[in-house]
Amino acid sequence: VSQSRYKVHIAKDSYIGKLNDNDIDLVGIQEEVAKLKTYFGGTDVVRFDHCIDTGELTFEEIYSAVCASIHCIPIRVGTKVSIRANIPTIPALVLFNHRNIVPASDTTTVRFGRTNNYDGVEVTYKDDEGVQTIYHIPEDQSAITPKKVEIWGLSTHRQAYIHGWREYNRLLYTYKQVEFTGLHQASGLIRNDKILVSDNLKFGLNEGEVLNVNGIELTLSQDVVVSPNDFIFLQNTDGSIESIELAGQTAPNVVLLASTPSFVIQTDDLNYAKTSFIIASEGESSYSFYEVNNRDHDSTYTSRITATNFDERIYSKDLVYG
C-alpha cells in the first residue's frame, strides 16, 4: 500500500482518525511522499510494515508513528492534516534577529560531550523473515551506553541503517541549543523546520514608556541612543508586540519610526499602563542554521522557540547504503 493512501486510510478510518476528505491534504501528502521516493531513489525506504493490534492508541499517535518511520513530519495546513518530508533539501524558512526576537528572551546553551553520554545507537527492526533484529552503530558493537531507538514499521536493514545513522550523527554534530520568544514569524514553525538565527543579538538598556505620539514621532520616557538599523519593540497594554525600524532621532528622547504601528499606542496617564518600548540593535550580521525542536504558543502575538544547531552531516549516510 502506498504511504499516501495508508495515511489517508488511517485518517478516514471510522475508529481511528474519523476525518473526511475535507480534513485531509491529499495532494500535499502525495507530493511529499513523491519527494521522499525521489530523494531515496525508490520505495523501499518509504514503507511502513507494522501490525497495530491495540485500540488504545489515538489517531495522532498512529499518524505520528507512520510519519516517523518514513522520514516525514506530521503537520496541519490550515484545518487539513498533511505531512512534510524530512530531507536536507528544505531551505531555512525564517530569519530571526533583533527585528523579530523579543529583547532579553534569548538564551544559548553549548554542550561539551554527547547527550546523556551516548556513545552509539541501537535500532530495532524486523528482518525479511519477521525476526526482531538490532542494528548497531558502531557496527562492532563497541558502544557501552548506546541510545536505543525503536520506531514502528521498520522492516529492512536499509531502513534501520538510515534511521540509525541520522540519530548517531545528531549525537556527533548537535551541540548548541537556542531558546527565544519570536514574533508572528514564529507562529507557523513546526518540528524539524530549518531557521537562521543571528549570532550577535545585542539588547541595550534603552527601555521605558512612550509618553507622546505625533504621527511617526515618539517621545520616550528617557534619553536614548539610536544607531543605524536599530529597531524599537513596542508592547501595548493588551500584550501585543510589534517591532519597527527606527528612521532617526530629533531629540535625545524623541525618535522617528520608519512606519506607523499597527495598534494604537497608549500614552494617557489615566490608563493603568502605557505602551512600553525597548530599542534593539545588532552587531555584525552573521547567522547560524538551527533546526526547530519545539514551538510553544506563548500568546496571541508570540511563540517560544527551542532549536538546536543544524548540520547537513546529519544526513550524510542517507544515500551511501551498501
C-alpha atoms as a PDB file:
ATOM      1  CA  VAL A   1       0.000   0.000   0.000  1.00  0.00           C
ATOM      2  CA  SER A   2       1.426   3.412  -0.921  1.00  0.00           C
ATOM      3  CA  GLN A   3       2.256   5.635   2.011  1.00  0.00           C
ATOM      4  CA  SER A   4      -0.036   8.421   0.825  1.00  0.00           C
ATOM      5  CA  ARG A   5      -3.004   6.013   0.652  1.00  0.00           C
ATOM      6  CA  TYR A   6      -2.081   4.445   4.002  1.00  0.00           C
ATOM      7  CA  LYS A   7      -2.103   7.842   5.715  1.00  0.00           C
ATOM      8  CA  VAL A   8      -5.439   8.679   4.134  1.00  0.00           C
ATOM      9  CA  HIS A   9      -6.832   5.304   5.241  1.00  0.00           C
ATOM     10  CA  ILE A  10      -5.973   5.768   8.920  1.00  0.00           C
ATOM     11  CA  ALA A  11      -7.125   9.394   8.785  1.00  0.00           C
ATOM     12  CA  LYS A  12     -10.547   8.392   7.410  1.00  0.00           C
ATOM     13  CA  ASP A  13     -10.950   5.186   9.424  1.00  0.00           C
ATOM     14  CA  SER A  14     -14.178   5.419  11.451  1.00  0.00           C
ATOM     15  CA  TYR A  15     -12.404   4.075  14.555  1.00  0.00           C
ATOM     16  CA  ILE A  16      -9.088   5.985  14.264  1.00  0.00           C
ATOM     17  CA  GLY A  17      -8.947   9.350  12.513  1.00  0.00           C
ATOM     18  CA  LYS A  18     -12.672   9.835  11.857  1.00  0.00           C
ATOM     19  CA  LEU A  19     -11.810  12.532   9.294  1.00  0.00           C
ATOM     20  CA  ASN A  20     -13.388  13.209   5.913  1.00  0.00           C
ATOM     21  CA  ASP A  21     -11.921  14.321   2.585  1.00  0.00           C
ATOM     22  CA  ASN A  22     -12.176  17.980   3.552  1.00  0.00           C
ATOM     23  CA  ASP A  23      -9.883  17.336   6.539  1.00  0.00           C
ATOM     24  CA  ILE A  24      -7.039  15.753   4.532  1.00  0.00           C
ATOM     25  CA  ASP A  25      -4.479  17.467   2.296  1.00  0.00           C
ATOM     26  CA  LEU A  26      -4.342  14.553  -0.144  1.00  0.00           C
ATOM     27  CA  VAL A  27      -2.444  16.429  -2.861  1.00  0.00           C
ATOM     28  CA  GLY A  28       0.132  17.697  -0.354  1.00  0.00           C
ATOM     29  CA  ILE A  29       0.643  14.221   1.124  1.00  0.00           C
ATOM     30  CA  GLN A  30       1.165  12.711  -2.337  1.00  0.00           C
ATOM     31  CA  GLU A  31       3.646  15.442  -3.267  1.00  0.00           C
ATOM     32  CA  GLU A  32       5.708  14.982  -0.090  1.00  0.00           C
ATOM     33  CA  VAL A  33       5.802  11.186  -0.434  1.00  0.00           C
ATOM     34  CA  ALA A  34       6.944  11.677  -4.039  1.00  0.00           C
ATOM     35  CA  LYS A  35       9.793  13.896  -2.782  1.00  0.00           C
ATOM     36  CA  LEU A  36      10.873  11.144  -0.381  1.00  0.00           C
ATOM     37  CA  LYS A  37      10.805   8.493  -3.113  1.00  0.00           C
ATOM     38  CA  THR A  38      12.852  10.710  -5.424  1.00  0.00           C
ATOM     39  CA  TYR A  39      15.371  11.558  -2.714  1.00  0.00           C
ATOM     40  CA  PHE A  40      15.900   7.949  -1.586  1.00  0.00           C
ATOM     41  CA  GLY A  41      15.731   6.573  -5.136  1.00  0.00           C
ATOM     42  CA  GLY A  42      12.793   4.221  -4.659  1.00  0.00           C
ATOM     43  CA  THR A  43      10.089   2.998  -2.345  1.00  0.00           C
ATOM     44  CA  ASP A  44      11.948   0.530  -0.105  1.00  0.00           C
ATOM     45  CA  VAL A  45      12.789   3.216   2.485  1.00  0.00           C
ATOM     46  CA  VAL A  46       9.378   4.866   2.251  1.00  0.00           C
ATOM     47  CA  ARG A  47       7.394   1.944   3.657  1.00  0.00           C
ATOM     48  CA  PHE A  48       5.619   1.088   6.890  1.00  0.00           C
ATOM     49  CA  ASP A  49       5.326  -2.550   7.971  1.00  0.00           C
ATOM     50  CA  HIS A  50       3.682  -2.888  11.371  1.00  0.00           C
ATOM     51  CA  CYS A  51       0.512  -4.525  12.666  1.00  0.00           C
ATOM     52  CA  ILE A  52      -1.301  -2.160  15.011  1.00  0.00           C
ATOM     53  CA  ASP A  53      -3.179  -4.566  17.261  1.00  0.00           C
ATOM     54  CA  THR A  54      -4.344  -2.274  20.042  1.00  0.00           C
ATOM     55  CA  GLY A  55      -7.287   0.058  20.294  1.00  0.00           C
ATOM     56  CA  GLU A  56      -5.708   2.241  22.955  1.00  0.00           C
ATOM     57  CA  LEU A  57      -3.735   4.484  20.602  1.00  0.00           C
ATOM     58  CA  THR A  58      -5.003   7.830  19.364  1.00  0.00           C
ATOM     59  CA  PHE A  59      -5.028   8.890  15.734  1.00  0.00           C
ATOM     60  CA  GLU A  60      -2.262  11.407  16.479  1.00  0.00           C
ATOM     61  CA  GLU A  61      -0.043   8.659  17.932  1.00  0.00           C
ATOM     62  CA  ILE A  62      -0.575   6.303  15.000  1.00  0.00           C
ATOM     63  CA  TYR A  63      -0.196   9.024  12.378  1.00  0.00           C
ATOM     64  CA  SER A  64       2.998  10.306  14.019  1.00  0.00           C
ATOM     65  CA  ALA A  65       4.431   6.778  14.180  1.00  0.00           C
ATOM     66  CA  VAL A  66       3.840   6.197  10.468  1.00  0.00           C
ATOM     67  CA  CYS A  67       5.404   9.558   9.646  1.00  0.00           C
ATOM     68  CA  ALA A  68       8.463   8.847  11.806  1.00  0.00           C
ATOM     69  CA  SER A  69       9.110   5.552  10.040  1.00  0.00           C
ATOM     70  CA  ILE A  70       9.279   7.141   6.576  1.00  0.00           C
ATOM     71  CA  HIS A  71      11.124  10.366   7.452  1.00  0.00           C
ATOM     72  CA  CYS A  72       8.344  12.913   7.403  1.00  0.00           C
ATOM     73  CA  ILE A  73       6.779  15.323   9.894  1.00  0.00           C
ATOM     74  CA  PRO A  74       3.014  15.397  10.581  1.00  0.00           C
ATOM     75  CA  ILE A  75       1.594  18.886  10.101  1.00  0.00           C
ATOM     76  CA  ARG A  76      -1.630  20.741   9.551  1.00  0.00           C
ATOM     77  CA  VAL A  77      -2.177  23.011   6.560  1.00  0.00           C
ATOM     78  CA  GLY A  78      -4.968  25.241   7.784  1.00  0.00           C
ATOM     79  CA  THR A  79      -7.525  22.750   9.056  1.00  0.00           C
ATOM     80  CA  LYS A  80      -6.171  19.843   6.973  1.00  0.00           C
ATOM     81  CA  VAL A  81      -3.882  17.001   8.040  1.00  0.00           C
ATOM     82  CA  SER A  82      -0.730  16.770   5.925  1.00  0.00           C
ATOM     83  CA  ILE A  83       2.989  15.897   6.085  1.00  0.00           C
ATOM     84  CA  ARG A  84       6.374  17.462   5.321  1.00  0.00           C
ATOM     85  CA  ALA A  85       9.324  15.427   4.049  1.00  0.00           C
ATOM     86  CA  ASN A  86      12.315  15.378   6.432  1.00  0.00           C
ATOM     87  CA  ILE A  87      15.096  15.653   3.859  1.00  0.00           C
ATOM     88  CA  PRO A  88      18.110  18.008   3.695  1.00  0.00           C
ATOM     89  CA  THR A  89      16.898  19.974   0.676  1.00  0.00           C
ATOM     90  CA  ILE A  90      14.484  22.153   2.675  1.00  0.00           C
ATOM     91  CA  PRO A  91      15.853  25.752   2.970  1.00  0.00           C
ATOM     92  CA  ALA A  92      15.675  27.958   6.036  1.00  0.00           C
ATOM     93  CA  LEU A  93      12.113  29.203   6.393  1.00  0.00           C
ATOM     94  CA  VAL A  94      12.584  32.225   8.685  1.00  0.00           C
ATOM     95  CA  LEU A  95      15.474  34.506   9.657  1.00  0.00           C
ATOM     96  CA  PHE A  96      15.451  35.609  13.302  1.00  0.00           C
ATOM     97  CA  ASN A  97      17.389  38.597  14.566  1.00  0.00           C
ATOM     98  CA  HIS A  98      16.870  41.757  16.605  1.00  0.00           C
ATOM     99  CA  ARG A  99      13.865  42.617  14.441  1.00  0.00           C
ATOM    100  CA  ASN A 100      11.678  39.657  15.432  1.00  0.00           C
ATOM    101  CA  ILE A 101      13.126  38.217  18.670  1.00  0.00           C
ATOM    102  CA  VAL A 102      11.689  39.738  21.829  1.00  0.00           C
ATOM    103  CA  PRO A 103      14.543  41.512  23.652  1.00  0.00           C
ATOM    104  CA  ALA A 104      16.181  39.653  26.541  1.00  0.00           C
ATOM    105  CA  SER A 105      14.171  36.480  25.773  1.00  0.00           C
ATOM    106  CA  ASP A 106      17.038  34.532  24.178  1.00  0.00           C
ATOM    107  CA  THR A 107      19.370  32.005  25.805  1.00  0.00           C
ATOM    108  CA  THR A 108      22.098  29.865  24.243  1.00  0.00           C
ATOM    109  CA  THR A 109      23.399  26.617  25.723  1.00  0.00           C
ATOM    110  CA  VAL A 110      26.542  24.917  24.416  1.00  0.00           C
ATOM    111  CA  ARG A 111      27.078  21.273  25.270  1.00  0.00           C
ATOM    112  CA  PHE A 112      30.502  19.694  25.637  1.00  0.00           C
ATOM    113  CA  GLY A 113      30.262  15.969  25.041  1.00  0.00           C
ATOM    114  CA  ARG A 114      27.309  13.944  23.819  1.00  0.00           C
ATOM    115  CA  THR A 115      23.754  13.865  25.146  1.00  0.00           C
ATOM    116  CA  ASN A 116      23.484  11.505  28.139  1.00  0.00           C
ATOM    117  CA  ASN A 117      26.997  10.257  27.289  1.00  0.00           C
ATOM    118  CA  TYR A 118      25.601   8.135  24.455  1.00  0.00           C
ATOM    119  CA  ASP A 119      28.489   6.559  22.519  1.00  0.00           C
ATOM    120  CA  GLY A 120      26.446   4.678  19.937  1.00  0.00           C
ATOM    121  CA  VAL A 121      22.989   3.782  18.644  1.00  0.00           C
ATOM    122  CA  GLU A 122      20.900   0.613  18.564  1.00  0.00           C
ATOM    123  CA  VAL A 123      17.941   0.442  16.165  1.00  0.00           C
ATOM    124  CA  THR A 124      15.386  -2.340  16.497  1.00  0.00           C
ATOM    125  CA  TYR A 125      13.738  -3.619  13.303  1.00  0.00           C
ATOM    126  CA  LYS A 126      12.284  -6.801  11.806  1.00  0.00           C
ATOM    127  CA  ASP A 127      14.260  -8.631   9.113  1.00  0.00           C
ATOM    128  CA  ASP A 128      12.815 -10.221   5.955  1.00  0.00           C
ATOM    129  CA  GLU A 129      11.619 -13.230   7.964  1.00  0.00           C
ATOM    130  CA  GLY A 130       9.904 -11.118  10.599  1.00  0.00           C
ATOM    131  CA  VAL A 131      12.554 -11.732  13.250  1.00  0.00           C
ATOM    132  CA  GLN A 132      13.309  -8.819  15.578  1.00  0.00           C
ATOM    133  CA  THR A 133      16.853  -7.660  14.891  1.00  0.00           C
ATOM    134  CA  ILE A 134      19.127  -4.887  16.194  1.00  0.00           C
ATOM    135  CA  TYR A 135      21.352  -2.730  14.019  1.00  0.00           C
ATOM    136  CA  HIS A 136      24.351  -1.393  15.963  1.00  0.00           C
ATOM    137  CA  ILE A 137      26.408   1.773  15.485  1.00  0.00           C
ATOM    138  CA  PRO A 138      29.362   1.309  15.715  1.00  0.00           C
ATOM    139  CA  GLU A 139      28.809  -1.956  13.907  1.00  0.00           C
ATOM    140  CA  ASP A 140      31.435  -3.743  16.030  1.00  0.00           C
ATOM    141  CA  GLN A 141      29.016  -3.298  18.992  1.00  0.00           C
ATOM    142  CA  SER A 142      31.709  -1.482  20.988  1.00  0.00           C
ATOM    143  CA  ALA A 143      29.278   1.128  22.363  1.00  0.00           C
ATOM    144  CA  ILE A 144      28.906   0.946  26.146  1.00  0.00           C
ATOM    145  CA  THR A 145      25.951   3.358  26.517  1.00  0.00           C
ATOM    146  CA  PRO A 146      24.127   3.304  23.168  1.00  0.00           C
ATOM    147  CA  LYS A 147      20.958   5.252  22.517  1.00  0.00           C
ATOM    148  CA  LYS A 148      18.142   2.758  21.914  1.00  0.00           C
ATOM    149  CA  VAL A 149      15.868   3.680  19.008  1.00  0.00           C
ATOM    150  CA  GLU A 150      12.546   1.937  18.474  1.00  0.00           C
ATOM    151  CA  ILE A 151      10.472   3.052  15.502  1.00  0.00           C
ATOM    152  CA  TRP A 152       7.370   1.205  14.358  1.00  0.00           C
ATOM    153  CA  GLY A 153       7.287  -0.186  10.860  1.00  0.00           C
ATOM    154  CA  LEU A 154      10.987  -0.724  10.120  1.00  0.00           C
ATOM    155  CA  SER A 155      11.317  -3.981   8.221  1.00  0.00           C
ATOM    156  CA  THR A 156      14.579  -3.735   6.281  1.00  0.00           C
ATOM    157  CA  HIS A 157      18.228  -3.337   7.159  1.00  0.00           C
ATOM    158  CA  ARG A 158      18.434  -0.212   4.991  1.00  0.00           C
ATOM    159  CA  GLN A 159      15.620   1.478   6.933  1.00  0.00           C
ATOM    160  CA  ALA A 160      17.378   0.732  10.222  1.00  0.00           C
ATOM    161  CA  TYR A 161      20.699   1.892   8.750  1.00  0.00           C
ATOM    162  CA  ILE A 162      19.363   5.306   7.696  1.00  0.00           C
ATOM    163  CA  HIS A 163      17.434   5.930  10.916  1.00  0.00           C
ATOM    164  CA  GLY A 164      20.409   4.795  12.978  1.00  0.00           C
ATOM    165  CA  TRP A 165      22.961   6.985  11.249  1.00  0.00           C
ATOM    166  CA  ARG A 166      20.710  10.048  11.437  1.00  0.00           C
ATOM    167  CA  GLU A 167      20.463   9.531  15.207  1.00  0.00           C
ATOM    168  CA  TYR A 168      24.184   8.850  15.575  1.00  0.00           C
ATOM    169  CA  ASN A 169      25.156  11.910  13.549  1.00  0.00           C
ATOM    170  CA  ARG A 170      22.886  14.051  15.710  1.00  0.00           C
ATOM    171  CA  LEU A 171      24.872  12.848  18.707  1.00  0.00           C
ATOM    172  CA  LEU A 172      28.107  13.803  16.949  1.00  0.00           C
ATOM    173  CA  TYR A 173      27.204  17.162  15.460  1.00  0.00           C
ATOM    174  CA  THR A 174      24.449  18.658  17.626  1.00  0.00           C
ATOM    175  CA  TYR A 175      25.977  20.707  20.429  1.00  0.00           C
ATOM    176  CA  LYS A 176      24.212  24.070  20.729  1.00  0.00           C
ATOM    177  CA  GLN A 177      20.664  24.966  21.697  1.00  0.00           C
ATOM    178  CA  VAL A 178      18.900  28.319  21.495  1.00  0.00           C
ATOM    179  CA  GLU A 179      15.641  29.392  23.074  1.00  0.00           C
ATOM    180  CA  PHE A 180      13.872  32.656  22.342  1.00  0.00           C
ATOM    181  CA  THR A 181      10.482  34.289  22.066  1.00  0.00           C
ATOM    182  CA  GLY A 182       9.707  35.197  18.473  1.00  0.00           C
ATOM    183  CA  LEU A 183       7.092  37.475  16.997  1.00  0.00           C
ATOM    184  CA  HIS A 184       4.429  36.392  14.480  1.00  0.00           C
ATOM    185  CA  GLN A 185       7.000  34.933  12.066  1.00  0.00           C
ATOM    186  CA  ALA A 186       7.484  32.068  14.540  1.00  0.00           C
ATOM    187  CA  SER A 187       3.823  31.070  14.698  1.00  0.00           C
ATOM    188  CA  GLY A 188       3.875  28.753  11.682  1.00  0.00           C
ATOM    189  CA  LEU A 189       7.022  26.784  12.532  1.00  0.00           C
ATOM    190  CA  ILE A 190       6.903  23.056  13.248  1.00  0.00           C
ATOM    191  CA  ARG A 191       9.419  20.493  14.498  1.00  0.00           C
ATOM    192  CA  ASN A 192      12.426  19.992  12.182  1.00  0.00           C
ATOM    193  CA  ASP A 193      11.877  23.267  10.325  1.00  0.00           C
ATOM    194  CA  LYS A 194      15.157  24.973   9.467  1.00  0.00           C
ATOM    195  CA  ILE A 195      15.706  28.575  10.596  1.00  0.00           C
ATOM    196  CA  LEU A 196      18.516  31.139  10.628  1.00  0.00           C
ATOM    197  CA  VAL A 197      19.305  32.872  13.929  1.00  0.00           C
ATOM    198  CA  SER A 198      21.627  35.835  14.390  1.00  0.00           C
ATOM    199  CA  ASP A 199      24.849  35.123  16.294  1.00  0.00           C
ATOM    200  CA  ASN A 200      25.116  38.702  17.510  1.00  0.00           C
ATOM    201  CA  LEU A 201      21.964  39.726  19.326  1.00  0.00           C
ATOM    202  CA  LYS A 202      22.604  42.766  21.493  1.00  0.00           C
ATOM    203  CA  PHE A 203      19.907  44.439  23.532  1.00  0.00           C
ATOM    204  CA  GLY A 204      20.891  47.527  25.460  1.00  0.00           C
ATOM    205  CA  LEU A 205      19.250  49.396  28.307  1.00  0.00           C
ATOM    206  CA  ASN A 206      17.218  51.721  26.096  1.00  0.00           C
ATOM    207  CA  GLU A 207      13.819  50.906  27.526  1.00  0.00           C
ATOM    208  CA  GLY A 208      10.920  52.690  29.169  1.00  0.00           C
ATOM    209  CA  GLU A 209       7.476  54.041  28.262  1.00  0.00           C
ATOM    210  CA  VAL A 210       6.097  56.069  25.355  1.00  0.00           C
ATOM    211  CA  LEU A 211       4.961  59.481  26.612  1.00  0.00           C
ATOM    212  CA  ASN A 212       3.583  61.023  23.426  1.00  0.00           C
ATOM    213  CA  VAL A 213       2.827  60.178  19.795  1.00  0.00           C
ATOM    214  CA  ASN A 214       2.833  62.630  16.893  1.00  0.00           C
ATOM    215  CA  GLY A 215       2.459  60.684  13.665  1.00  0.00           C
ATOM    216  CA  ILE A 216       5.647  58.626  13.361  1.00  0.00           C
ATOM    217  CA  GLU A 217       7.387  60.652  16.085  1.00  0.00           C
ATOM    218  CA  LEU A 218       7.539  59.118  19.567  1.00  0.00           C
ATOM    219  CA  THR A 219       8.500  60.953  22.732  1.00  0.00           C
ATOM    220  CA  LEU A 220      10.053  58.494  25.169  1.00  0.00           C
ATOM    221  CA  SER A 221      10.347  58.464  28.952  1.00  0.00           C
ATOM    222  CA  GLN A 222      14.155  58.631  28.837  1.00  0.00           C
ATOM    223  CA  ASP A 223      17.006  59.665  26.575  1.00  0.00           C
ATOM    224  CA  VAL A 224      18.167  57.002  24.107  1.00  0.00           C
ATOM    225  CA  VAL A 225      20.982  56.485  21.632  1.00  0.00           C
ATOM    226  CA  VAL A 226      19.845  55.379  18.172  1.00  0.00           C
ATOM    227  CA  SER A 227      22.213  53.761  15.661  1.00  0.00           C
ATOM    228  CA  PRO A 228      21.613  52.781  12.014  1.00  0.00           C
ATOM    229  CA  ASN A 229      19.448  49.641  11.606  1.00  0.00           C
ATOM    230  CA  ASP A 230      18.126  49.833  15.173  1.00  0.00           C
ATOM    231  CA  PHE A 231      14.581  48.611  15.860  1.00  0.00           C
ATOM    232  CA  ILE A 232      12.136  49.626  18.550  1.00  0.00           C
ATOM    233  CA  PHE A 233       9.902  46.991  20.161  1.00  0.00           C
ATOM    234  CA  LEU A 234       6.564  48.373  21.278  1.00  0.00           C
ATOM    235  CA  GLN A 235       4.476  46.379  23.724  1.00  0.00           C
ATOM    236  CA  ASN A 236       0.900  47.520  24.118  1.00  0.00           C
ATOM    237  CA  THR A 237      -1.240  47.119  27.209  1.00  0.00           C
ATOM    238  CA  ASP A 238      -3.045  44.088  25.709  1.00  0.00           C
ATOM    239  CA  GLY A 239       0.251  42.203  25.376  1.00  0.00           C
ATOM    240  CA  SER A 240       0.682  42.714  21.639  1.00  0.00           C
ATOM    241  CA  ILE A 241       4.263  43.311  20.497  1.00  0.00           C
ATOM    242  CA  GLU A 242       5.464  44.947  17.306  1.00  0.00           C
ATOM    243  CA  SER A 243       8.949  45.789  16.071  1.00  0.00           C
ATOM    244  CA  ILE A 244       9.505  48.810  13.812  1.00  0.00           C
ATOM    245  CA  GLU A 245      12.711  50.101  12.283  1.00  0.00           C
ATOM    246  CA  LEU A 246      13.873  53.489  13.537  1.00  0.00           C
ATOM    247  CA  ALA A 247      14.341  56.170  10.893  1.00  0.00           C
ATOM    248  CA  GLY A 248      16.184  58.683  13.061  1.00  0.00           C
ATOM    249  CA  GLN A 249      16.181  60.864  16.140  1.00  0.00           C
ATOM    250  CA  THR A 250      15.141  64.519  16.561  1.00  0.00           C
ATOM    251  CA  ALA A 251      15.952  64.932  20.261  1.00  0.00           C
ATOM    252  CA  PRO A 252      17.624  62.828  22.977  1.00  0.00           C
ATOM    253  CA  ASN A 253      14.266  61.287  23.905  1.00  0.00           C
ATOM    254  CA  VAL A 254      12.426  61.637  20.570  1.00  0.00           C
ATOM    255  CA  VAL A 255      12.683  59.045  17.789  1.00  0.00           C
ATOM    256  CA  LEU A 256      11.226  58.707  14.298  1.00  0.00           C
ATOM    257  CA  LEU A 257       9.640  55.474  13.102  1.00  0.00           C
ATOM    258  CA  ALA A 258      10.121  54.119   9.572  1.00  0.00           C
ATOM    259  CA  SER A 259       6.448  53.093   9.520  1.00  0.00           C
ATOM    260  CA  THR A 260       3.345  53.570  11.608  1.00  0.00           C
ATOM    261  CA  PRO A 261       2.414  50.999  14.292  1.00  0.00           C
ATOM    262  CA  SER A 262      -0.471  48.625  13.619  1.00  0.00           C
ATOM    263  CA  PHE A 263      -2.054  49.343  17.013  1.00  0.00           C
ATOM    264  CA  VAL A 264      -2.927  52.488  18.976  1.00  0.00           C
ATOM    265  CA  ILE A 265      -0.084  53.455  21.310  1.00  0.00           C
ATOM    266  CA  GLN A 266      -1.343  54.125  24.830  1.00  0.00           C
ATOM    267  CA  THR A 267       0.075  57.286  26.445  1.00  0.00           C
ATOM    268  CA  ASP A 268      -2.811  58.514  28.601  1.00  0.00           C
ATOM    269  CA  ASP A 269      -1.920  58.835  32.311  1.00  0.00           C
ATOM    270  CA  LEU A 270      -5.450  57.647  33.127  1.00  0.00           C
ATOM    271  CA  ASN A 271      -4.695  54.191  31.709  1.00  0.00           C
ATOM    272  CA  TYR A 272      -3.392  51.585  34.135  1.00  0.00           C
ATOM    273  CA  ALA A 273      -0.346  51.134  31.871  1.00  0.00           C
ATOM    274  CA  LYS A 274       1.263  52.871  28.934  1.00  0.00           C
ATOM    275  CA  THR A 275       2.863  51.342  25.860  1.00  0.00           C
ATOM    276  CA  SER A 276       6.405  50.301  26.752  1.00  0.00           C
ATOM    277  CA  PHE A 277       9.445  50.175  24.493  1.00  0.00           C
ATOM    278  CA  ILE A 278      12.842  48.526  24.127  1.00  0.00           C
ATOM    279  CA  ILE A 279      15.339  49.571  21.466  1.00  0.00           C
ATOM    280  CA  ALA A 280      17.317  46.680  19.987  1.00  0.00           C
ATOM    281  CA  SER A 281      20.421  46.728  17.841  1.00  0.00           C
ATOM    282  CA  GLU A 282      22.505  44.071  16.137  1.00  0.00           C
ATOM    283  CA  GLY A 283      26.250  43.708  15.749  1.00  0.00           C
ATOM    284  CA  GLU A 284      27.912  42.161  12.729  1.00  0.00           C
ATOM    285  CA  SER A 285      25.490  40.218  10.571  1.00  0.00           C
ATOM    286  CA  SER A 286      26.430  36.558  10.982  1.00  0.00           C
ATOM    287  CA  TYR A 287      23.865  33.804  11.208  1.00  0.00           C
ATOM    288  CA  SER A 288      23.763  30.104  12.064  1.00  0.00           C
ATOM    289  CA  PHE A 289      21.390  27.376  10.884  1.00  0.00           C
ATOM    290  CA  TYR A 290      19.161  25.762  13.501  1.00  0.00           C
ATOM    291  CA  GLU A 291      16.529  23.053  13.482  1.00  0.00           C
ATOM    292  CA  VAL A 292      13.329  23.657  15.428  1.00  0.00           C
ATOM    293  CA  ASN A 293      12.763  21.151  18.255  1.00  0.00           C
ATOM    294  CA  ASN A 294       9.673  22.713  19.779  1.00  0.00           C
ATOM    295  CA  ARG A 295       7.322  25.674  19.492  1.00  0.00           C
ATOM    296  CA  ASP A 296       5.056  26.718  22.345  1.00  0.00           C
ATOM    297  CA  HIS A 297       2.285  29.228  21.760  1.00  0.00           C
ATOM    298  CA  ASP A 298       3.099  31.960  24.284  1.00  0.00           C
ATOM    299  CA  SER A 299       0.325  34.375  23.427  1.00  0.00           C
ATOM    300  CA  THR A 300      -1.707  35.675  20.523  1.00  0.00           C
ATOM    301  CA  TYR A 301       1.360  37.559  19.357  1.00  0.00           C
ATOM    302  CA  THR A 302       4.421  35.480  20.303  1.00  0.00           C
ATOM    303  CA  SER A 303       5.787  31.904  20.313  1.00  0.00           C
ATOM    304  CA  ARG A 304       8.551  30.323  22.364  1.00  0.00           C
ATOM    305  CA  ILE A 305      11.062  28.540  20.127  1.00  0.00           C
ATOM    306  CA  THR A 306      13.584  25.869  21.119  1.00  0.00           C
ATOM    307  CA  ALA A 307      16.076  24.866  18.411  1.00  0.00           C
ATOM    308  CA  THR A 308      19.413  23.075  18.033  1.00  0.00           C
ATOM    309  CA  ASN A 309      22.229  23.799  15.609  1.00  0.00           C
ATOM    310  CA  PHE A 310      21.700  22.187  12.224  1.00  0.00           C
ATOM    311  CA  ASP A 311      24.474  20.326  10.425  1.00  0.00           C
ATOM    312  CA  GLU A 312      23.948  18.731   6.999  1.00  0.00           C
ATOM    313  CA  ARG A 313      26.209  15.856   8.063  1.00  0.00           C
ATOM    314  CA  ILE A 314      23.194  14.504   9.944  1.00  0.00           C
ATOM    315  CA  TYR A 315      22.004  13.243   6.538  1.00  0.00           C
ATOM    316  CA  SER A 316      25.428  12.153   5.276  1.00  0.00           C
ATOM    317  CA  LYS A 317      24.649   8.406   5.321  1.00  0.00           C
ATOM    318  CA  ASP A 318      21.195   8.636   3.707  1.00  0.00           C
ATOM    319  CA  LEU A 319      22.338   7.736   0.215  1.00  0.00           C
ATOM    320  CA  VAL A 320      25.501   5.666   0.772  1.00  0.00           C
ATOM    321  CA  TYR A 321      23.896   2.418   1.917  1.00  0.00           C
ATOM    322  CA  GLY A 322      25.586  -0.703   0.572  1.00  0.00           C
END
